[in-house]
């Protein structure tokens, strides 16, 4: 079996600022301040860490009840903004191709909360049931553990070993998490990072979008270690 894990934001879709706006609204409702979300690094991080850092300048450490309230307001606001979400080019075609192979499992390895992850993918027309080996931001302490948890769940789902696990993400943090679990990583320059920066981070395959379906499918199926070079758009071995 082959496991293909996807990050969500910047990889499969863009919320076009709706996620942060929803977090700021939830913070205002629960804590009386929109927080410092505009100053916090978000790309490739876990939602609980992003929220904690945005509240830290105000001396706020949420209680368990406040976390519950925050998520309730956040998820509600996120649903209201689903019309703003945008699927990344090529995502549907790639997922359709992957789903045609019975020996491929799809998973999510995302810093999103469980509920917000599914609100986002449903907002762009993707089906939650397509993704069977998932790990979410509230379940682990770091990104590497996120990938490890998705792999462990894939093993349980498949009833045995996983021959290969591949991470698809858009940040150096996704690349590092994959490497920490000895997984190849496909890096997609659809977020804030360039192909050059993602290649420097050690991605095994760098692509400008999810549109080169044949290249991506070949890499996933044959387990090669090729990288699309940003300056020449040619393939070379990335050691």
Protein backbone atom coordinates (compact mmCIF):
# COMPACT_ATOMS: atom_id res chain seq x y z
CA UNK A 1 0.00 0.00 0.00
CA UNK A 2 1.06 3.58 -0.69
CA UNK A 3 -0.06 6.37 1.59
CA UNK A 4 -0.30 9.89 0.15
CA UNK A 5 -0.73 12.53 2.86
CA UNK A 6 -1.85 16.05 2.03
CA UNK A 7 -1.50 19.29 3.89
CA UNK A 8 -4.60 21.47 3.36
CA UNK A 9 -3.95 25.24 3.41
CA UNK A 10 -1.82 26.32 0.47
CA UNK A 11 -1.58 22.73 -0.81
CA UNK A 12 -5.12 21.60 -1.64
CA UNK A 13 -6.87 24.93 -1.23
CA UNK A 14 -6.69 28.57 -0.21
CA UNK A 15 -9.11 30.22 2.18
CA UNK A 16 -7.99 33.65 0.91
CA UNK A 17 -7.69 35.08 4.41
CA UNK A 18 -10.97 33.65 5.69
CA UNK A 19 -9.33 31.35 8.24
CA UNK A 20 -7.45 34.14 10.02
CA UNK A 21 -10.50 36.42 9.88
CA UNK A 22 -12.57 33.70 11.51
CA UNK A 23 -9.94 33.20 14.23
CA UNK A 24 -9.85 36.93 14.96
CA UNK A 25 -13.63 37.02 15.24
CA UNK A 26 -13.63 34.06 17.62
CA UNK A 27 -10.91 35.67 19.77
CA UNK A 28 -12.89 38.91 19.95
CA UNK A 29 -16.00 36.99 21.06
CA UNK A 30 -14.27 34.94 23.75
CA UNK A 31 -11.37 37.12 24.93
CA UNK A 32 -12.45 40.65 23.98
CA UNK A 33 -9.50 41.13 21.59
CA UNK A 34 -8.87 40.02 17.99
CA UNK A 35 -5.40 38.93 19.09
CA UNK A 36 -2.14 39.40 17.22
CA UNK A 37 -2.93 36.99 14.38
CA UNK A 38 -1.61 39.41 11.76
CA UNK A 39 1.84 39.25 13.36
CA UNK A 40 2.01 35.48 13.87
CA UNK A 41 3.72 33.06 11.49
CA UNK A 42 1.05 30.61 10.29
CA UNK A 43 2.46 28.66 7.32
CA UNK A 44 3.03 25.01 8.16
CA UNK A 45 2.15 25.38 11.85
CA UNK A 46 -0.43 23.73 14.11
CA UNK A 47 -3.58 25.74 14.82
CA UNK A 48 -3.29 25.50 18.64
CA UNK A 49 0.24 26.97 18.40
CA UNK A 50 -0.89 29.78 16.08
CA UNK A 51 -3.75 30.72 18.38
CA UNK A 52 -1.59 30.48 21.51
CA UNK A 53 1.03 32.79 19.98
CA UNK A 54 -1.62 35.29 18.88
CA UNK A 55 -3.03 35.48 22.40
CA UNK A 56 0.30 35.45 24.25
CA UNK A 57 1.02 39.22 23.90
CA UNK A 58 -2.20 39.88 25.82
CA UNK A 59 -1.32 37.50 28.65
CA UNK A 60 -4.12 35.13 27.69
CA UNK A 61 -3.79 31.41 28.34
CA UNK A 62 -7.14 29.84 27.41
CA UNK A 63 -8.87 27.52 29.83
CA UNK A 64 -10.42 24.31 28.56
CA UNK A 65 -13.84 26.01 28.46
CA UNK A 66 -12.43 29.00 26.59
CA UNK A 67 -10.86 26.68 24.02
CA UNK A 68 -14.26 25.05 23.54
CA UNK A 69 -15.94 28.42 23.06
CA UNK A 70 -13.22 29.67 20.74
CA UNK A 71 -13.52 26.64 18.47
CA UNK A 72 -17.30 26.90 18.42
CA UNK A 73 -17.16 30.52 17.21
CA UNK A 74 -14.24 29.82 14.86
CA UNK A 75 -15.91 26.88 13.13
CA UNK A 76 -19.19 28.79 12.75
CA UNK A 77 -17.41 31.79 11.20
CA UNK A 78 -15.38 29.53 8.93
CA UNK A 79 -18.53 27.89 7.58
CA UNK A 80 -19.95 31.32 6.75
CA UNK A 81 -16.88 32.03 4.61
CA UNK A 82 -16.79 28.74 2.66
CA UNK A 83 -17.75 30.64 -0.49
CA UNK A 84 -14.35 32.38 -0.38
CA UNK A 85 -12.36 29.13 -0.47
CA UNK A 86 -10.52 28.25 -3.66
CA UNK A 87 -9.29 24.83 -4.78
CA UNK A 88 -5.66 24.78 -5.91
CA UNK A 89 -5.28 24.19 -9.65
CA UNK A 90 -4.93 20.49 -10.47
CA UNK A 91 -6.08 19.21 -7.08
CA UNK A 92 -9.29 17.58 -8.30
CA UNK A 93 -7.62 15.82 -11.22
CA UNK A 94 -4.76 14.52 -9.07
CA UNK A 95 -7.13 13.22 -6.39
CA UNK A 96 -9.31 11.57 -9.04
CA UNK A 97 -6.25 9.80 -10.46
CA UNK A 98 -5.05 8.67 -7.05
CA UNK A 99 -8.47 7.34 -6.10
CA UNK A 100 -8.48 5.05 -9.14
CA UNK A 101 -5.64 3.00 -7.60
CA UNK A 102 -6.88 0.57 -4.96
CA UNK A 103 -3.41 0.23 -3.43
CA UNK A 104 -3.24 3.99 -2.66
CA UNK A 105 -4.61 5.42 0.58
CA UNK A 106 -5.26 9.14 0.91
CA UNK A 107 -4.71 10.98 4.16
CA UNK A 108 -4.57 14.45 5.67
CA UNK A 109 -1.58 15.59 7.74
CA UNK A 110 -2.71 19.08 8.62
CA UNK A 111 -2.25 21.62 11.37
CA UNK A 112 -5.97 22.35 11.25
CA UNK A 113 -8.34 21.26 13.96
CA UNK A 114 -10.30 18.18 12.87
CA UNK A 115 -13.54 20.10 12.32
CA UNK A 116 -11.97 23.06 10.54
CA UNK A 117 -10.08 20.68 8.24
CA UNK A 118 -13.32 19.13 7.01
CA UNK A 119 -15.09 22.50 6.80
CA UNK A 120 -12.32 23.62 4.46
CA UNK A 121 -12.20 20.60 2.18
CA UNK A 122 -15.99 20.41 1.95
CA UNK A 123 -15.99 24.10 1.07
CA UNK A 124 -14.14 23.36 -2.18
CA UNK A 125 -16.14 20.26 -3.07
CA UNK A 126 -13.80 17.56 -1.76
CA UNK A 127 -15.27 14.64 0.16
CA UNK A 128 -14.10 13.82 3.70
CA UNK A 129 -14.52 10.09 3.10
CA UNK A 130 -11.80 10.17 0.44
CA UNK A 131 -9.23 10.72 3.22
CA UNK A 132 -8.95 7.71 5.52
CA UNK A 133 -5.62 8.11 7.34
CA UNK A 134 -5.64 11.53 8.96
CA UNK A 135 -3.92 13.49 11.70
CA UNK A 136 -4.92 16.93 12.95
CA UNK A 137 -3.42 19.87 14.78
CA UNK A 138 -5.04 19.31 18.17
CA UNK A 139 -3.77 15.73 18.36
CA UNK A 140 0.00 16.23 18.43
CA UNK A 141 2.71 18.58 19.69
CA UNK A 142 4.65 19.07 16.44
CA UNK A 143 4.49 18.58 12.68
CA UNK A 144 6.68 15.48 12.61
CA UNK A 145 4.34 13.75 15.04
CA UNK A 146 1.45 14.70 12.75
CA UNK A 147 2.97 12.73 9.87
CA UNK A 148 3.85 9.82 12.18
CA UNK A 149 0.26 9.63 13.43
CA UNK A 150 -1.18 9.61 9.90
CA UNK A 151 1.18 6.78 8.96
CA UNK A 152 0.21 4.77 12.04
CA UNK A 153 -3.48 5.20 11.21
CA UNK A 154 -2.84 4.13 7.63
CA UNK A 155 -1.24 0.92 8.90
CA UNK A 156 -4.29 0.19 11.04
CA UNK A 157 -6.65 1.02 8.18
CA UNK A 158 -4.79 -1.20 5.71
CA UNK A 159 -4.39 -4.02 8.19
CA UNK A 160 -0.64 -4.21 7.73
CA UNK A 161 2.46 -2.44 6.59
CA UNK A 162 2.67 0.61 4.34
CA UNK A 163 5.16 0.16 1.52
CA UNK A 164 5.64 3.87 1.02
CA UNK A 165 4.30 7.07 2.58
CA UNK A 166 4.57 10.37 0.71
CA UNK A 167 3.86 13.85 2.07
CA UNK A 168 2.45 16.60 -0.17
CA UNK A 169 2.81 20.09 1.28
CA UNK A 170 3.70 23.69 0.52
CA UNK A 171 6.10 24.72 3.29
CA UNK A 172 9.58 23.82 4.53
CA UNK A 173 7.89 22.57 7.71
CA UNK A 174 6.03 19.96 5.65
CA UNK A 175 9.35 18.90 4.11
CA UNK A 176 11.05 18.65 7.52
CA UNK A 177 8.16 16.63 8.95
CA UNK A 178 8.35 14.20 6.04
CA UNK A 179 12.13 13.82 6.42
CA UNK A 180 11.76 13.19 10.16
CA UNK A 181 9.65 10.17 9.22
CA UNK A 182 11.88 9.03 6.32
CA UNK A 183 9.17 9.94 3.80
CA UNK A 184 9.62 11.46 0.35
CA UNK A 185 8.04 14.90 0.09
CA UNK A 186 6.33 16.56 -2.85
CA UNK A 187 6.51 20.34 -2.33
CA UNK A 188 4.01 22.52 -4.17
CA UNK A 189 4.81 26.21 -4.67
CA UNK A 190 1.17 27.22 -4.32
CA UNK A 191 1.62 28.85 -0.92
CA UNK A 192 4.07 31.52 0.21
CA UNK A 193 7.27 29.60 -0.58
CA UNK A 194 9.00 29.43 -3.97
CA UNK A 195 10.13 26.24 -5.66
CA UNK A 196 13.72 27.27 -5.03
CA UNK A 197 13.13 27.66 -1.29
CA UNK A 198 11.30 24.33 -1.11
CA UNK A 199 14.09 22.59 -3.02
CA UNK A 200 16.63 24.07 -0.61
CA UNK A 201 14.57 22.65 2.27
CA UNK A 202 15.14 19.18 0.81
CA UNK A 203 11.92 18.40 -1.06
CA UNK A 204 12.22 15.34 -3.31
CA UNK A 205 9.95 16.77 -5.97
CA UNK A 206 9.09 20.46 -6.41
CA UNK A 207 6.23 21.54 -8.67
CA UNK A 208 4.63 24.94 -9.30
CA UNK A 209 1.11 23.55 -8.80
CA UNK A 210 -0.78 20.25 -8.71
CA UNK A 211 -1.47 20.51 -12.45
CA UNK A 212 1.38 18.26 -13.76
CA UNK A 213 -0.69 15.16 -12.99
CA UNK A 214 1.46 12.72 -14.96
CA UNK A 215 4.68 13.85 -13.29
CA UNK A 216 3.09 13.62 -9.83
CA UNK A 217 1.53 10.21 -10.47
CA UNK A 218 4.81 8.84 -11.81
CA UNK A 219 6.66 10.06 -8.75
CA UNK A 220 4.06 8.62 -6.36
CA UNK A 221 3.85 5.27 -8.10
CA UNK A 222 7.54 4.68 -8.77
CA UNK A 223 8.95 6.25 -5.61
CA UNK A 224 11.61 8.18 -7.52
CA UNK A 225 13.71 11.00 -6.09
CA UNK A 226 13.45 13.68 -8.76
CA UNK A 227 13.13 17.40 -8.31
CA UNK A 228 11.81 19.97 -10.75
CA UNK A 229 14.41 22.69 -10.79
CA UNK A 230 12.91 26.19 -10.50
CA UNK A 231 15.39 28.03 -12.73
CA UNK A 232 15.40 25.65 -15.68
CA UNK A 233 12.11 23.74 -15.25
CA UNK A 234 14.10 20.56 -15.89
CA UNK A 235 14.30 17.37 -13.88
CA UNK A 236 17.37 16.45 -11.90
CA UNK A 237 18.25 14.09 -9.08
CA UNK A 238 18.01 15.65 -5.65
CA UNK A 239 20.32 13.88 -3.27
